Amino acid sequence: MFGNLGAGEIILIILVILLLFGAKKIPELAQGLGKGMKEFKKAVRDVEDEIKKTDEDLKKEEKKS
């Protein structure tokens, strides 16, 4: 999951994050990150749906011709 990072390195990274942001700020950061990912996935899904709809419309027009 973390590539070549070992357990000690992951713990060190977590400690550095705790020192930089503080224990109270981390849940807020995680929540913001989660919301951002959710919005991004929704936008991707919307674009995919629009592409499929356009493709279906083009196929219908080709069949009429």
Foldseek 3Di string as FASTA:
>chain_A
DPPPDDPVRVVVVVVVVCVVQNPVCVVVVVVVVVVVVVVVVVVVVVVVVVVVVVVVVVVVVVVVD
